[in-house]
Amino acid sequence: MSDITLSKAVRSNLLSLQNTADMMATTQNRLATGKKVNSALDNPTNFFTASSLNSRASDINALMDGMANGIQTIEAADNGLTAITKTLESMQSTLRQARQDKSFETGSYALDATAIGTTDAKSLTFSGGAIGETGVTVELNPEGPTEAVPTTLTGAAGTTAFTATDTDATGASFNLAGGTGNVDIAVTNGSTKQQIADAINAQTAATGVSATVGTDGSLALTEASGADITITAVGDDAGTADNDEAADSAELITHAFGTTTTSSNGEAAGTARAVSSVDDLVRTINNNSQLEGKIRASNDNGQLRIENLSTQELNVDGVSSTGEIDGESSDQTTIGGNSVRADLANQYNELRDQLDKLADDASFNGINLLRGDKLTITFNETDTSSLEIQSRIPNEDGEATSGLSINSASLGIKTNMEESDLDSDTSIDSMLADIKTAVNTVRSQASAFGSSLSIVENRQDFSKNMINTLETGASNLTLADANEEAANLLALQTRQQLSSTALSMASQQDQAVLRLF
């Protein structure tokens, strides 16, 4: 207090004691807080620099949760893709099993030729199965041959070379007409019948006639469609005997064919009915384009064996209750479908249903990348660095498109298989190709998600290290050295004790005056 007068020595020691107390308070505060800069008053530069570093570290740390959630979201999607891939592989296995299975049902029927007869048209009708309700009819006693018997004209036998009357002429020609046209056949002097046949065969496309020479030297002409064959002389009869082309042509015809110049011994189609044999029916059924790949016929020890190449029942009309083909019975015989393939179709649908459910359940924190959701992960405090993650698969046109759901429909696999879809091996092969494409698409998407996951994990590690760097830098500016501060406190305590002693000694000098009294 200003009203109290202290000696110089006492005041000096008092000030020293007060300074020591202040330094002790500062040192004790540093030890208590662990910081040497607790406010801007301690060191403005270090305080504000450290505050800025800590703030940035705090902002980055706040983004770490988003990165962690992003990683879990990507992993959830990857889990879904892994399960979908396994499901697709199971679907492939199911289709391959169906492709290999050939346990088709069959039925064998005796042919009752008497009941069929040759008077009225009789037939077998196949319906159901892979054929459909309309049905396909096969005749049991068709009219005559299915095609006309080819017309054949055989010329005179002999191998004498052709020589024209006119020794100055180089050869002759005749006109040959068949089912598709006519053409002049030119032959040189000295030609054999084989050379004449070769000249005719060179014009087959124009005449529809082919020529062969028999072992007896006869020249035979055949018209494939059954049309008449006409041979006529050509040339101009006018002129001298040495230049009579018509005569030369007539000599050529006589040499090759004798005096006959026309023939019509072909038999027209459909002239009479005849009951087909089992082998005939086998050929007819197997060559019918409407039945190809739907049923298969074979000869089973004299019976007609029908194999139903379908998962559905096949109806056969024209078979009696005793199992004989009569072509008129109203009884309808059925051949069961392939139950193994039918069961595999149901298994396929169950797997496909699970595939879609897996895609729906692969979400995390409300985000499902397999449903086309977009995941945005921010990497820095200024929002200038981020990563957008979204599915990217081919659309219906084959173009890569972002945001499409990954399910059976978008992957291009059959979404609702019917049992009949497994009737045809070709159809199964097509579905196997679709699933292979789907597997490749899923694997490609899994690779893309894996790449994104690597980016996020790398950025997460970077952010952790960056936070540590920022906080260490701030600590270097503000944290106190505990060992140093402890030594300082010990020194100040010693100084305080010494200052107290010095103050006591100074006050004792003032007390010396009391001895005078």
Protein backbone atom coordinates (compact mmCIF):
# COMPACT_ATOMS: atom_id res chain seq x y z
CA MET A 1 0.00 0.00 0.00
CA SER A 2 1.21 3.53 -0.80
CA ASP A 3 0.57 4.69 2.79
CA ILE A 4 3.11 2.19 4.07
CA THR A 5 6.74 3.14 3.74
CA LEU A 6 9.13 0.31 2.93
CA SER A 7 12.84 0.48 2.88
CA LYS A 8 14.65 0.14 -0.35
CA ALA A 9 15.99 -3.30 0.52
CA VAL A 10 12.60 -4.58 1.54
CA ARG A 11 10.92 -3.17 -1.56
CA SER A 12 13.60 -4.68 -3.81
CA ASN A 13 13.19 -8.10 -2.25
CA LEU A 14 9.42 -7.78 -2.41
CA LEU A 15 9.51 -7.09 -6.15
CA SER A 16 11.82 -10.05 -6.68
CA LEU A 17 9.45 -12.26 -4.71
CA GLN A 18 6.45 -11.03 -6.71
CA ASN A 19 8.22 -11.70 -10.06
CA THR A 20 9.10 -15.17 -8.91
CA ALA A 21 5.50 -15.80 -7.93
CA ASP A 22 4.32 -14.65 -11.36
CA MET A 23 6.78 -16.94 -13.14
CA MET A 24 5.77 -19.83 -10.90
CA ALA A 25 2.12 -19.21 -11.78
CA THR A 26 2.98 -19.21 -15.50
CA THR A 27 5.04 -22.40 -15.19
CA GLN A 28 2.35 -24.12 -13.15
CA ASN A 29 -0.26 -23.15 -15.80
CA ARG A 30 1.92 -24.63 -18.54
CA LEU A 31 2.32 -27.83 -16.58
CA ALA A 32 -1.43 -27.97 -15.90
CA THR A 33 -2.51 -27.31 -19.52
CA GLY A 34 0.45 -28.87 -21.27
CA LYS A 35 0.66 -25.79 -23.47
CA LYS A 36 3.10 -22.98 -23.52
CA VAL A 37 0.70 -20.85 -25.60
CA ASN A 38 -2.79 -20.83 -24.14
CA SER A 39 -4.05 -17.57 -25.57
CA ALA A 40 -3.15 -14.88 -28.04
CA LEU A 41 -1.54 -12.96 -25.16
CA ASP A 42 1.05 -15.70 -24.76
CA ASN A 43 2.22 -15.65 -28.42
CA PRO A 44 -0.16 -14.21 -31.03
CA THR A 45 1.69 -15.65 -34.04
CA ASN A 46 1.92 -19.19 -32.70
CA PHE A 47 -1.59 -19.10 -31.23
CA PHE A 48 -3.38 -18.14 -34.44
CA THR A 49 -1.18 -20.35 -36.65
CA ALA A 50 -1.85 -23.35 -34.41
CA SER A 51 -5.55 -22.50 -34.30
CA SER A 52 -5.68 -22.51 -38.13
CA LEU A 53 -3.86 -25.84 -38.34
CA ASN A 54 -6.13 -27.42 -35.74
CA SER A 55 -9.22 -26.10 -37.50
CA ARG A 56 -8.17 -27.67 -40.80
CA ALA A 57 -7.34 -30.93 -39.06
CA SER A 58 -10.80 -30.85 -37.46
CA ASP A 59 -12.48 -30.23 -40.83
CA ILE A 60 -10.65 -33.13 -42.46
CA ASN A 61 -11.43 -35.34 -39.50
CA ALA A 62 -15.12 -34.53 -39.96
CA LEU A 63 -14.85 -35.94 -43.51
CA MET A 64 -13.37 -39.20 -42.27
CA ASP A 65 -16.79 -40.48 -41.23
CA GLY A 66 -18.09 -39.93 -44.76
CA MET A 67 -15.13 -41.85 -46.18
CA ALA A 68 -15.64 -44.69 -43.72
CA ASN A 69 -19.35 -44.90 -44.62
CA GLY A 70 -18.46 -44.74 -48.31
CA ILE A 71 -16.09 -47.68 -47.92
CA GLN A 72 -18.80 -49.72 -46.23
CA THR A 73 -21.31 -48.79 -48.96
CA ILE A 74 -18.91 -49.95 -51.67
CA GLU A 75 -18.16 -53.15 -49.77
CA ALA A 76 -21.89 -53.82 -49.41
CA ALA A 77 -22.31 -53.43 -53.18
CA ASP A 78 -19.32 -55.69 -53.78
CA ASN A 79 -20.86 -58.30 -51.47
CA GLY A 80 -24.01 -58.12 -53.59
CA LEU A 81 -22.07 -58.48 -56.85
CA THR A 82 -20.17 -61.47 -55.49
CA ALA A 83 -23.43 -63.17 -54.52
CA ILE A 84 -25.00 -62.27 -57.88
CA THR A 85 -22.02 -63.77 -59.71
CA LYS A 86 -22.41 -67.03 -57.79
CA THR A 87 -26.14 -67.03 -58.57
CA LEU A 88 -25.46 -66.49 -62.27
CA GLU A 89 -22.97 -69.35 -62.22
CA SER A 90 -25.65 -71.55 -60.62
CA MET A 91 -28.06 -70.52 -63.38
CA GLN A 92 -25.41 -71.47 -65.95
CA SER A 93 -25.06 -74.86 -64.31
CA THR A 94 -28.84 -75.34 -64.39
CA LEU A 95 -29.02 -74.54 -68.11
CA ARG A 96 -26.05 -76.77 -68.91
CA GLN A 97 -27.75 -79.60 -67.06
CA ALA A 98 -30.89 -79.02 -69.13
CA ARG A 99 -28.78 -78.90 -72.30
CA GLN A 100 -27.22 -82.27 -71.53
CA ASP A 101 -30.45 -83.98 -70.49
CA LYS A 102 -32.04 -86.03 -73.27
CA SER A 103 -34.61 -87.98 -71.26
CA PHE A 104 -37.41 -87.24 -73.71
CA GLU A 105 -40.54 -89.38 -73.56
CA THR A 106 -41.39 -91.66 -76.49
CA GLY A 107 -44.31 -93.66 -77.83
CA SER A 108 -44.27 -96.56 -80.35
CA TYR A 109 -47.22 -97.40 -82.58
CA ALA A 110 -47.92 -100.26 -85.01
CA LEU A 111 -49.01 -99.39 -88.53
CA ASP A 112 -52.41 -100.84 -89.43
CA ALA A 113 -52.21 -100.81 -93.26
CA THR A 114 -55.59 -102.52 -93.65
CA ALA A 115 -57.41 -99.92 -91.56
CA ILE A 116 -55.64 -97.12 -93.41
CA GLY A 117 -56.39 -98.48 -96.87
CA THR A 118 -55.96 -96.73 -100.22
CA THR A 119 -59.44 -95.36 -100.75
CA ASP A 120 -59.75 -92.36 -98.45
CA ALA A 121 -57.03 -90.02 -97.26
CA LYS A 122 -55.82 -90.94 -93.76
CA SER A 123 -53.41 -88.98 -91.62
CA LEU A 124 -51.65 -88.53 -88.27
CA THR A 125 -51.95 -85.18 -86.49
CA PHE A 126 -49.43 -83.96 -83.94
CA SER A 127 -50.34 -81.11 -81.59
CA GLY A 128 -49.29 -79.73 -78.23
CA GLY A 129 -45.71 -80.17 -77.08
CA ALA A 130 -43.42 -77.80 -78.95
CA ILE A 131 -45.73 -77.86 -81.99
CA GLY A 132 -48.61 -75.82 -80.58
CA GLU A 133 -52.37 -76.17 -80.61
CA THR A 134 -52.76 -75.74 -84.38
CA GLY A 135 -51.08 -79.06 -85.04
CA VAL A 136 -49.27 -80.56 -88.01
CA THR A 137 -50.76 -83.33 -90.18
CA VAL A 138 -48.79 -86.10 -91.87
CA GLU A 139 -50.46 -88.20 -94.62
CA LEU A 140 -50.49 -91.95 -94.14
CA ASN A 141 -51.55 -92.88 -97.72
CA PRO A 142 -50.53 -90.02 -100.03
CA GLU A 143 -51.50 -89.91 -103.69
CA GLY A 144 -48.86 -91.50 -105.90
CA PRO A 145 -45.24 -90.44 -105.78
CA THR A 146 -44.58 -87.06 -104.29
CA GLU A 147 -42.87 -86.00 -107.55
CA ALA A 148 -43.34 -86.95 -111.17
CA VAL A 149 -41.25 -89.84 -112.47
CA PRO A 150 -38.53 -88.36 -114.72
CA THR A 151 -39.06 -88.74 -118.48
CA THR A 152 -36.37 -90.86 -120.12
CA LEU A 153 -35.57 -91.24 -123.83
CA THR A 154 -33.05 -93.87 -124.90
CA GLY A 155 -31.49 -93.66 -128.38
CA ALA A 156 -30.06 -96.32 -130.62
CA ALA A 157 -27.15 -98.41 -129.44
CA GLY A 158 -23.80 -98.21 -131.14
CA THR A 159 -20.53 -96.32 -130.93
CA THR A 160 -19.92 -95.37 -134.52
CA ALA A 161 -18.66 -91.82 -134.81
CA PHE A 162 -20.97 -89.29 -136.38
CA THR A 163 -20.00 -88.24 -139.95
CA ALA A 164 -22.02 -85.66 -141.91
CA THR A 165 -23.16 -86.36 -145.46
CA ASP A 166 -21.54 -83.15 -146.56
CA THR A 167 -17.86 -83.89 -146.31
CA ASP A 168 -17.11 -80.20 -146.53
CA ALA A 169 -19.18 -79.40 -143.40
CA THR A 170 -17.51 -79.25 -140.01
CA GLY A 171 -20.50 -80.68 -138.14
CA ALA A 172 -24.22 -80.35 -137.48
CA SER A 173 -26.69 -79.42 -134.71
CA PHE A 174 -30.13 -80.37 -133.45
CA ASN A 175 -32.65 -78.68 -131.16
CA LEU A 176 -33.21 -80.27 -127.74
CA ALA A 177 -36.26 -79.15 -125.70
CA GLY A 178 -36.93 -80.10 -122.06
CA GLY A 179 -38.91 -78.77 -119.09
CA THR A 180 -37.07 -75.45 -118.76
CA GLY A 181 -36.40 -74.45 -122.35
CA ASN A 182 -34.73 -75.54 -125.56
CA VAL A 183 -31.31 -75.12 -127.05
CA ASP A 184 -29.40 -76.06 -130.22
CA ILE A 185 -26.75 -78.70 -129.59
CA ALA A 186 -23.81 -78.35 -131.99
CA VAL A 187 -21.64 -81.41 -132.64
CA THR A 188 -18.55 -81.63 -134.85
CA ASN A 189 -17.92 -84.33 -137.43
CA GLY A 190 -16.39 -87.45 -135.98
CA SER A 191 -17.98 -86.98 -132.51
CA THR A 192 -18.76 -90.12 -130.53
CA LYS A 193 -21.96 -90.55 -128.52
CA GLN A 194 -20.03 -89.66 -125.35
CA GLN A 195 -18.96 -86.38 -126.92
CA ILE A 196 -22.57 -85.76 -127.97
CA ALA A 197 -23.66 -86.45 -124.34
CA ASP A 198 -21.01 -83.99 -123.10
CA ALA A 199 -22.33 -81.33 -125.46
CA ILE A 200 -25.87 -81.90 -124.14
CA ASN A 201 -24.81 -81.81 -120.47
CA ALA A 202 -23.04 -78.51 -121.07
CA GLN A 203 -26.52 -77.05 -121.74
CA THR A 204 -28.37 -78.72 -118.85
CA ALA A 205 -29.31 -75.41 -117.22
CA ALA A 206 -31.12 -74.32 -120.34
CA THR A 207 -32.98 -77.56 -121.10
CA GLY A 208 -33.39 -79.44 -117.84
CA VAL A 209 -32.14 -82.51 -119.69
CA SER A 210 -29.12 -84.64 -118.78
CA ALA A 211 -27.41 -87.22 -121.00
CA THR A 212 -25.60 -90.47 -120.26
CA VAL A 213 -24.08 -93.20 -122.48
CA GLY A 214 -24.83 -96.79 -121.47
CA THR A 215 -22.42 -99.69 -121.60
CA ASP A 216 -24.18 -100.87 -124.75
CA GLY A 217 -23.44 -97.57 -126.43
CA SER A 218 -26.99 -96.19 -126.21
CA LEU A 219 -27.52 -92.49 -125.49
CA ALA A 220 -30.12 -91.88 -122.72
CA LEU A 221 -31.72 -88.51 -121.99
CA THR A 222 -33.51 -87.77 -118.69
CA GLU A 223 -35.80 -84.82 -117.89
CA ALA A 224 -35.86 -84.26 -114.10
CA SER A 225 -39.34 -82.72 -113.85
CA GLY A 226 -41.04 -85.36 -115.96
CA ALA A 227 -41.71 -83.05 -118.92
CA ASP A 228 -41.56 -84.33 -122.49
CA ILE A 229 -38.25 -84.45 -124.33
CA THR A 230 -38.37 -83.22 -127.93
CA ILE A 231 -35.56 -83.54 -130.47
CA THR A 232 -35.89 -81.73 -133.83
CA ALA A 233 -33.59 -81.13 -136.77
CA VAL A 234 -32.38 -77.61 -137.45
CA GLY A 235 -30.94 -75.90 -140.53
CA ASP A 236 -32.03 -74.69 -143.93
CA ASP A 237 -33.02 -77.33 -146.47
CA ALA A 238 -32.36 -74.92 -149.32
CA GLY A 239 -29.13 -75.21 -151.20
CA THR A 240 -27.04 -77.90 -152.73
CA ALA A 241 -26.63 -81.37 -151.41
CA ASP A 242 -23.20 -80.40 -150.26
CA ASN A 243 -24.67 -77.65 -148.07
CA ASP A 244 -27.79 -79.27 -146.59
CA GLU A 245 -27.70 -78.40 -142.87
CA ALA A 246 -31.10 -79.95 -142.21
CA ALA A 247 -29.95 -83.23 -143.70
CA ASP A 248 -26.80 -83.14 -141.61
CA SER A 249 -28.94 -82.50 -138.52
CA ALA A 250 -31.25 -85.39 -139.37
CA GLU A 251 -28.26 -87.68 -139.83
CA LEU A 252 -26.95 -86.64 -136.42
CA ILE A 253 -30.33 -87.40 -134.76
CA THR A 254 -30.56 -90.77 -136.51
CA HIS A 255 -27.01 -91.61 -135.43
CA ALA A 256 -27.69 -90.73 -131.77
CA PHE A 257 -31.36 -91.57 -131.21
CA GLY A 258 -32.63 -93.63 -134.13
CA THR A 259 -35.95 -92.48 -135.64
CA THR A 260 -37.69 -91.53 -132.34
CA THR A 261 -37.69 -87.79 -131.75
CA THR A 262 -40.16 -87.37 -128.87
CA SER A 263 -41.03 -89.17 -125.64
CA SER A 264 -43.61 -88.76 -122.87
CA ASN A 265 -43.21 -91.86 -120.77
CA GLY A 266 -43.03 -89.97 -117.44
CA GLU A 267 -45.63 -90.70 -114.74
CA ALA A 268 -47.43 -87.65 -113.30
CA ALA A 269 -47.58 -87.12 -109.52
CA GLY A 270 -50.64 -88.13 -107.51
CA THR A 271 -52.05 -90.78 -109.76
CA ALA A 272 -52.83 -93.38 -107.00
CA ARG A 273 -52.87 -93.79 -103.24
CA ALA A 274 -50.48 -96.10 -101.41
CA VAL A 275 -50.06 -96.76 -97.67
CA SER A 276 -46.71 -95.43 -96.51
CA SER A 277 -44.34 -97.83 -94.84
CA VAL A 278 -42.87 -97.11 -91.41
CA ASP A 279 -39.63 -96.00 -93.05
CA ASP A 280 -41.59 -93.74 -95.39
CA LEU A 281 -43.32 -92.12 -92.39
CA VAL A 282 -40.00 -91.73 -90.58
CA ARG A 283 -38.56 -89.87 -93.56
CA THR A 284 -41.69 -87.77 -94.03
CA ILE A 285 -41.85 -86.72 -90.36
CA ASN A 286 -38.14 -86.03 -89.97
CA ASN A 287 -38.03 -84.02 -93.23
CA ASN A 288 -41.06 -81.89 -92.29
CA SER A 289 -39.80 -78.37 -91.50
CA GLN A 290 -42.79 -77.75 -89.19
CA LEU A 291 -41.82 -80.75 -87.04
CA GLU A 292 -38.06 -80.33 -87.12
CA GLY A 293 -36.62 -80.07 -83.60
CA LYS A 294 -40.06 -80.68 -82.08
CA ILE A 295 -40.53 -84.41 -82.54
CA ARG A 296 -38.28 -87.13 -83.89
CA ALA A 297 -39.38 -90.34 -85.65
CA SER A 298 -37.59 -93.68 -85.92
CA ASN A 299 -38.30 -97.30 -86.79
CA ASP A 300 -38.73 -99.33 -83.60
CA ASN A 301 -38.69 -102.95 -84.81
CA GLY A 302 -41.39 -102.26 -87.39
CA GLN A 303 -43.31 -99.74 -85.27
CA LEU A 304 -43.31 -95.96 -85.64
CA ARG A 305 -41.48 -94.52 -82.66
CA ILE A 306 -42.22 -90.87 -81.87
CA GLU A 307 -39.94 -88.94 -79.51
CA ASN A 308 -41.45 -85.82 -77.92
CA LEU A 309 -38.66 -83.20 -77.90
CA SER A 310 -40.52 -80.98 -75.45
CA THR A 311 -41.30 -80.45 -71.79
CA GLN A 312 -45.02 -80.36 -72.61
CA GLU A 313 -47.38 -83.21 -73.49
CA LEU A 314 -47.60 -84.15 -77.17
CA ASN A 315 -50.98 -85.18 -78.59
CA VAL A 316 -51.11 -87.77 -81.38
CA ASP A 317 -54.41 -88.10 -83.28
CA GLY A 318 -55.02 -91.05 -85.59
CA VAL A 319 -53.95 -93.80 -83.19
CA SER A 320 -56.46 -96.30 -81.84
CA SER A 321 -56.85 -97.16 -78.18
CA THR A 322 -54.81 -100.34 -78.82
CA GLY A 323 -51.84 -98.26 -80.00
CA GLU A 324 -52.23 -98.92 -83.74
CA ILE A 325 -52.07 -96.19 -86.36
CA ASP A 326 -55.29 -96.25 -88.35
CA GLY A 327 -55.52 -92.59 -89.34
CA GLU A 328 -59.14 -92.18 -88.32
CA SER A 329 -59.51 -93.03 -84.64
CA SER A 330 -60.94 -90.26 -82.49
CA ASP A 331 -58.91 -91.44 -79.52
CA GLN A 332 -56.12 -89.05 -78.62
CA THR A 333 -52.84 -90.56 -77.46
CA THR A 334 -50.45 -88.43 -75.44
CA ILE A 335 -46.69 -88.60 -74.98
CA GLY A 336 -45.44 -86.98 -71.78
CA GLY A 337 -42.99 -84.12 -71.68
CA ASN A 338 -39.44 -84.04 -70.37
CA SER A 339 -39.97 -83.66 -66.59
CA VAL A 340 -36.26 -83.14 -65.88
CA ARG A 341 -36.05 -80.04 -68.04
CA ALA A 342 -39.37 -78.82 -66.65
CA ASP A 343 -38.02 -79.03 -63.08
CA LEU A 344 -34.84 -77.25 -64.13
CA ALA A 345 -36.94 -74.39 -65.50
CA ASN A 346 -38.47 -73.94 -62.04
CA GLN A 347 -35.00 -74.01 -60.45
CA TYR A 348 -33.85 -71.36 -62.90
CA ASN A 349 -36.75 -69.07 -61.95
CA GLU A 350 -35.99 -69.47 -58.23
CA LEU A 351 -32.36 -68.52 -58.80
CA ARG A 352 -33.37 -65.55 -60.92
CA ASP A 353 -35.73 -64.38 -58.18
CA GLN A 354 -32.93 -64.62 -55.60
CA LEU A 355 -30.65 -62.63 -57.89
CA ASP A 356 -33.05 -59.68 -57.89
CA LYS A 357 -33.49 -59.90 -54.11
CA LEU A 358 -29.74 -59.89 -53.58
CA ALA A 359 -29.49 -56.71 -55.61
CA ASP A 360 -32.25 -55.09 -53.53
CA ASP A 361 -30.61 -56.02 -50.22
CA ALA A 362 -27.07 -54.81 -51.01
CA SER A 363 -27.54 -51.38 -49.37
CA PHE A 364 -25.71 -49.55 -46.58
CA ASN A 365 -26.99 -46.52 -44.72
CA GLY A 366 -29.82 -46.13 -47.23
CA ILE A 367 -27.60 -46.16 -50.32
CA ASN A 368 -27.69 -49.10 -52.74
CA LEU A 369 -25.24 -48.83 -55.61
CA LEU A 370 -26.82 -51.89 -57.26
CA ARG A 371 -30.11 -50.01 -57.58
CA GLY A 372 -28.38 -47.17 -59.40
CA ASP A 373 -27.99 -44.85 -56.38
CA LYS A 374 -25.15 -42.33 -56.57
CA LEU A 375 -22.58 -42.17 -53.76
CA THR A 376 -20.62 -38.92 -53.42
CA ILE A 377 -17.59 -38.88 -51.11
CA THR A 378 -15.90 -35.53 -50.29
CA PHE A 379 -12.16 -35.65 -49.67
CA ASN A 380 -11.16 -32.11 -48.62
CA GLU A 381 -12.51 -29.27 -46.50
CA THR A 382 -13.01 -26.93 -49.47
CA ASP A 383 -15.26 -29.41 -51.40
CA THR A 384 -12.92 -29.21 -54.40
CA SER A 385 -11.97 -32.89 -54.28
CA SER A 386 -14.60 -35.63 -54.32
CA LEU A 387 -15.50 -38.96 -55.93
CA GLU A 388 -18.87 -39.94 -57.41
CA ILE A 389 -19.57 -43.68 -57.50
CA GLN A 390 -22.45 -45.18 -59.47
CA SER A 391 -23.22 -48.37 -61.39
CA ARG A 392 -22.32 -48.32 -65.08
CA ILE A 393 -23.54 -51.20 -67.25
CA PRO A 394 -24.66 -51.58 -70.90
CA ASN A 395 -28.24 -50.60 -71.71
CA GLU A 396 -30.53 -52.32 -74.23
CA ASP A 397 -28.53 -50.78 -77.09
CA GLY A 398 -25.25 -52.02 -75.66
CA GLU A 399 -24.07 -48.55 -74.61
CA ALA A 400 -22.54 -48.15 -71.14
CA THR A 401 -25.01 -46.15 -69.04
CA SER A 402 -24.70 -44.84 -65.49
CA GLY A 403 -27.37 -45.27 -62.84
CA LEU A 404 -28.99 -48.49 -64.12
CA SER A 405 -30.15 -51.04 -61.58
CA ILE A 406 -28.25 -54.31 -61.68
CA ASN A 407 -30.87 -57.05 -61.88
CA SER A 408 -32.00 -59.85 -64.15
CA ALA A 409 -33.75 -57.46 -66.53
CA SER A 410 -30.86 -55.02 -66.96
CA LEU A 411 -28.38 -57.89 -67.28
CA GLY A 412 -30.34 -59.19 -70.27
CA ILE A 413 -31.17 -62.63 -68.92
CA LYS A 414 -34.57 -64.27 -69.24
CA THR A 415 -36.74 -62.95 -66.42
CA ASN A 416 -39.59 -65.47 -66.43
CA MET A 417 -38.73 -68.81 -67.94
CA GLU A 418 -41.47 -71.12 -69.13
CA GLU A 419 -40.91 -74.86 -69.19
CA SER A 420 -41.25 -74.80 -72.95
CA ASP A 421 -38.26 -72.45 -73.18
CA LEU A 422 -36.07 -75.46 -72.45
CA ASP A 423 -37.52 -77.54 -75.30
CA SER A 424 -34.90 -76.48 -77.82
CA ASP A 425 -31.15 -76.90 -77.40
CA THR A 426 -30.73 -73.82 -79.56
CA SER A 427 -32.85 -71.79 -77.14
CA ILE A 428 -30.78 -73.06 -74.20
CA ASP A 429 -27.56 -72.14 -76.00
CA SER A 430 -28.90 -68.63 -76.54
CA MET A 431 -29.75 -68.25 -72.83
CA LEU A 432 -26.33 -69.59 -71.85
CA ALA A 433 -24.74 -66.92 -74.06
CA ASP A 434 -26.89 -64.24 -72.35
CA ILE A 435 -25.82 -65.41 -68.89
CA LYS A 436 -22.17 -65.45 -69.91
CA THR A 437 -22.53 -61.83 -71.02
CA ALA A 438 -24.26 -61.02 -67.71
CA VAL A 439 -21.42 -62.62 -65.72
CA ASN A 440 -18.88 -60.54 -67.65
CA THR A 441 -20.93 -57.40 -66.98
CA VAL A 442 -21.13 -58.10 -63.24
CA ARG A 443 -17.42 -58.85 -63.04
CA SER A 444 -16.63 -55.65 -64.89
CA GLN A 445 -18.81 -53.66 -62.49
CA ALA A 446 -17.18 -55.36 -59.49
CA SER A 447 -13.79 -54.35 -60.88
CA ALA A 448 -14.97 -50.75 -61.23
CA PHE A 449 -16.27 -50.70 -57.64
CA GLY A 450 -12.99 -52.25 -56.50
CA SER A 451 -11.07 -49.46 -58.19
CA SER A 452 -13.27 -46.85 -56.45
CA LEU A 453 -12.78 -48.62 -53.12
CA SER A 454 -9.01 -48.46 -53.58
CA ILE A 455 -9.23 -44.73 -54.26
CA VAL A 456 -11.32 -44.08 -51.13
CA GLU A 457 -9.09 -46.22 -48.88
CA ASN A 458 -6.00 -44.50 -50.23
CA ARG A 459 -7.57 -41.11 -49.61
CA GLN A 460 -8.61 -42.19 -46.11
CA ASP A 461 -5.03 -43.10 -45.25
CA PHE A 462 -3.85 -39.82 -46.73
CA SER A 463 -6.35 -37.86 -44.64
CA LYS A 464 -5.29 -39.64 -41.46
CA ASN A 465 -1.67 -38.78 -42.13
CA MET A 466 -2.60 -35.22 -43.03
CA ILE A 467 -4.53 -34.76 -39.77
CA ASN A 468 -1.55 -36.07 -37.83
CA THR A 469 0.76 -33.67 -39.67
CA LEU A 470 -1.47 -30.66 -38.99
CA GLU A 471 -1.99 -31.49 -35.31
CA THR A 472 1.71 -32.15 -34.82
CA GLY A 473 2.53 -28.80 -36.39
CA ALA A 474 0.05 -27.04 -34.12
CA SER A 475 1.45 -28.87 -31.09
CA ASN A 476 4.96 -27.81 -31.95
CA LEU A 477 3.81 -24.19 -31.79
CA THR A 478 1.79 -24.39 -28.57
CA LEU A 479 2.73 -27.37 -26.42
CA ALA A 480 5.07 -26.95 -23.49
CA ASP A 481 8.06 -29.13 -22.63
CA ALA A 482 6.98 -30.75 -19.38
CA ASN A 483 10.53 -31.58 -18.34
CA GLU A 484 11.69 -28.04 -18.95
CA GLU A 485 8.74 -26.51 -17.15
CA ALA A 486 9.23 -28.86 -14.18
CA ALA A 487 12.87 -27.80 -13.93
CA ASN A 488 11.79 -24.19 -14.17
CA LEU A 489 9.26 -24.66 -11.39
CA LEU A 490 11.88 -26.27 -9.14
CA ALA A 491 14.26 -23.38 -9.81
CA LEU A 492 11.53 -20.83 -9.11
CA GLN A 493 10.62 -22.56 -5.87
CA THR A 494 14.24 -22.32 -4.81
CA ARG A 495 14.36 -18.69 -5.85
CA GLN A 496 11.14 -18.03 -3.95
CA GLN A 497 12.62 -19.50 -0.80
CA LEU A 498 15.76 -17.42 -1.26
CA SER A 499 13.72 -14.27 -1.90
CA SER A 500 11.70 -14.92 1.26
CA THR A 501 14.92 -15.31 3.24
CA ALA A 502 16.36 -12.11 1.73
CA LEU A 503 13.15 -10.25 2.52
CA SER A 504 13.34 -11.52 6.09
CA MET A 505 16.92 -10.34 6.41
CA ALA A 506 16.02 -6.91 4.98
CA SER A 507 13.20 -6.54 7.46
CA GLN A 508 15.58 -7.49 10.30
CA GLN A 509 17.73 -4.46 9.44
CA ASP A 510 14.72 -2.23 9.99
CA GLN A 511 14.13 -3.93 13.34
CA ALA A 512 17.63 -2.93 14.58
CA VAL A 513 16.19 0.44 15.57
CA LEU A 514 14.06 -1.28 18.19
CA ARG A 515 17.18 -2.21 20.12
CA LEU A 516 17.74 1.49 20.86
CA PHE A 517 14.58 1.48 22.87
